[in-house]
């Protein structure tokens, strides 16, 4: 089992990935992927997002990674935004 845990951790270390892609890329059955993720969570933080985009297949759905997904800046919304300071 430690080998499977290492394979799964290597797949999710940088990018959010869905369980099916983790299973296909590591040759670990999907139920065993879930068991490996549970083992990984005992040691480090595992981020699971309900509606993220898998960086392997591109499908939007549940994804898992070891790094949190950074929110994309809203460039258009930032223009013209001003900071207001309270005055007395």
C-alpha atoms as a PDB file:
ATOM      1  CA  UNK A   1       0.000   0.000   0.000  1.00  0.00           C
ATOM      2  CA  UNK A   2       2.798   2.561   0.636  1.00  0.00           C
ATOM      3  CA  UNK A   3       3.692   2.386  -3.057  1.00  0.00           C
ATOM      4  CA  UNK A   4       0.136   3.242  -4.051  1.00  0.00           C
ATOM      5  CA  UNK A   5       0.057   6.147  -1.611  1.00  0.00           C
ATOM      6  CA  UNK A   6       3.254   7.528  -3.134  1.00  0.00           C
ATOM      7  CA  UNK A   7       1.885   7.171  -6.674  1.00  0.00           C
ATOM      8  CA  UNK A   8      -1.356   8.969  -5.775  1.00  0.00           C
ATOM      9  CA  UNK A   9       0.493  11.744  -3.913  1.00  0.00           C
ATOM     10  CA  UNK A  10       2.770  12.287  -6.911  1.00  0.00           C
ATOM     11  CA  UNK A  11      -0.275  12.769  -9.185  1.00  0.00           C
ATOM     12  CA  UNK A  12      -1.902  15.432  -7.018  1.00  0.00           C
ATOM     13  CA  UNK A  13       1.156  17.298  -5.809  1.00  0.00           C
ATOM     14  CA  UNK A  14       0.842  20.250  -8.196  1.00  0.00           C
ATOM     15  CA  UNK A  15      -2.530  20.288  -9.907  1.00  0.00           C
ATOM     16  CA  UNK A  16      -6.102  19.357  -9.062  1.00  0.00           C
ATOM     17  CA  UNK A  17      -6.925  15.971 -10.565  1.00  0.00           C
ATOM     18  CA  UNK A  18     -10.122  13.907 -10.619  1.00  0.00           C
ATOM     19  CA  UNK A  19     -10.234  10.412  -9.136  1.00  0.00           C
ATOM     20  CA  UNK A  20     -10.655   8.757 -12.538  1.00  0.00           C
ATOM     21  CA  UNK A  21      -7.504  10.404 -13.916  1.00  0.00           C
ATOM     22  CA  UNK A  22      -5.537   9.540 -10.778  1.00  0.00           C
ATOM     23  CA  UNK A  23      -6.674   5.915 -11.175  1.00  0.00           C
ATOM     24  CA  UNK A  24      -5.825   5.784 -14.895  1.00  0.00           C
ATOM     25  CA  UNK A  25      -2.421   7.439 -14.534  1.00  0.00           C
ATOM     26  CA  UNK A  26      -1.306   5.372 -11.542  1.00  0.00           C
ATOM     27  CA  UNK A  27      -2.959   2.018 -12.425  1.00  0.00           C
ATOM     28  CA  UNK A  28      -4.622   2.078  -8.999  1.00  0.00           C
ATOM     29  CA  UNK A  29      -8.323   1.180  -8.807  1.00  0.00           C
ATOM     30  CA  UNK A  30     -10.627   4.121  -7.885  1.00  0.00           C
ATOM     31  CA  UNK A  31     -11.606   2.600  -4.494  1.00  0.00           C
ATOM     32  CA  UNK A  32      -7.906   2.175  -3.700  1.00  0.00           C
ATOM     33  CA  UNK A  33      -7.304   5.802  -4.740  1.00  0.00           C
ATOM     34  CA  UNK A  34      -9.818   6.864  -2.073  1.00  0.00           C
ATOM     35  CA  UNK A  35      -8.042   4.698   0.518  1.00  0.00           C
ATOM     36  CA  UNK A  36      -4.677   6.210  -0.497  1.00  0.00           C
ATOM     37  CA  UNK A  37      -6.109   9.732  -0.187  1.00  0.00           C
ATOM     38  CA  UNK A  38      -7.292   8.896   3.332  1.00  0.00           C
ATOM     39  CA  UNK A  39      -3.777   7.758   4.217  1.00  0.00           C
ATOM     40  CA  UNK A  40      -2.273  10.925   2.739  1.00  0.00           C
ATOM     41  CA  UNK A  41      -4.733  13.078   4.728  1.00  0.00           C
ATOM     42  CA  UNK A  42      -3.407  11.610   7.944  1.00  0.00           C
ATOM     43  CA  UNK A  43      -0.038  13.223   7.214  1.00  0.00           C
ATOM     44  CA  UNK A  44      -0.619  16.377   5.161  1.00  0.00           C
ATOM     45  CA  UNK A  45      -3.492  18.597   4.069  1.00  0.00           C
ATOM     46  CA  UNK A  46      -5.344  17.327   1.016  1.00  0.00           C
ATOM     47  CA  UNK A  47      -7.551  19.860  -0.763  1.00  0.00           C
ATOM     48  CA  UNK A  48     -10.743  18.461  -2.233  1.00  0.00           C
ATOM     49  CA  UNK A  49     -12.883  20.778  -4.300  1.00  0.00           C
ATOM     50  CA  UNK A  50     -16.424  19.845  -5.276  1.00  0.00           C
ATOM     51  CA  UNK A  51     -16.430  21.665  -8.592  1.00  0.00           C
ATOM     52  CA  UNK A  52     -12.891  22.252  -9.799  1.00  0.00           C
ATOM     53  CA  UNK A  53     -11.346  21.542 -13.166  1.00  0.00           C
ATOM     54  CA  UNK A  54      -9.184  18.451 -13.591  1.00  0.00           C
ATOM     55  CA  UNK A  55      -5.875  19.479 -15.112  1.00  0.00           C
ATOM     56  CA  UNK A  56      -5.547  16.110 -16.830  1.00  0.00           C
ATOM     57  CA  UNK A  57      -8.875  15.629 -18.599  1.00  0.00           C
ATOM     58  CA  UNK A  58     -10.424  19.094 -18.244  1.00  0.00           C
ATOM     59  CA  UNK A  59     -13.725  17.886 -16.819  1.00  0.00           C
ATOM     60  CA  UNK A  60     -15.285  20.100 -14.152  1.00  0.00           C
ATOM     61  CA  UNK A  61     -16.219  18.148 -11.051  1.00  0.00           C
ATOM     62  CA  UNK A  62     -14.692  16.849  -7.825  1.00  0.00           C
ATOM     63  CA  UNK A  63     -10.893  17.201  -7.858  1.00  0.00           C
ATOM     64  CA  UNK A  64      -8.124  16.610  -5.343  1.00  0.00           C
ATOM     65  CA  UNK A  65      -4.723  18.256  -4.909  1.00  0.00           C
ATOM     66  CA  UNK A  66      -2.045  18.960  -2.333  1.00  0.00           C
ATOM     67  CA  UNK A  67      -1.981  22.676  -3.136  1.00  0.00           C
ATOM     68  CA  UNK A  68      -5.003  24.966  -2.874  1.00  0.00           C
ATOM     69  CA  UNK A  69      -6.359  26.304  -6.136  1.00  0.00           C
ATOM     70  CA  UNK A  70      -5.597  30.005  -6.404  1.00  0.00           C
ATOM     71  CA  UNK A  71      -8.609  32.123  -7.250  1.00  0.00           C
ATOM     72  CA  UNK A  72      -8.274  33.757 -10.624  1.00  0.00           C
ATOM     73  CA  UNK A  73      -8.056  37.549 -10.381  1.00  0.00           C
ATOM     74  CA  UNK A  74     -10.967  39.443 -11.801  1.00  0.00           C
ATOM     75  CA  UNK A  75      -8.994  41.942 -13.865  1.00  0.00           C
ATOM     76  CA  UNK A  76     -12.036  43.778 -15.194  1.00  0.00           C
ATOM     77  CA  UNK A  77     -13.487  44.091 -11.701  1.00  0.00           C
ATOM     78  CA  UNK A  78     -10.305  45.569 -10.303  1.00  0.00           C
ATOM     79  CA  UNK A  79     -10.260  48.549 -12.601  1.00  0.00           C
ATOM     80  CA  UNK A  80     -11.660  51.616 -11.000  1.00  0.00           C
ATOM     81  CA  UNK A  81     -11.795  50.044  -7.566  1.00  0.00           C
ATOM     82  CA  UNK A  82     -10.770  52.567  -4.966  1.00  0.00           C
ATOM     83  CA  UNK A  83      -9.859  52.281  -1.360  1.00  0.00           C
ATOM     84  CA  UNK A  84     -11.841  54.483   0.922  1.00  0.00           C
ATOM     85  CA  UNK A  85     -10.394  55.591   4.202  1.00  0.00           C
ATOM     86  CA  UNK A  86     -12.559  56.475   7.116  1.00  0.00           C
ATOM     87  CA  UNK A  87     -12.202  60.088   8.091  1.00  0.00           C
ATOM     88  CA  UNK A  88     -13.231  61.634  11.337  1.00  0.00           C
END
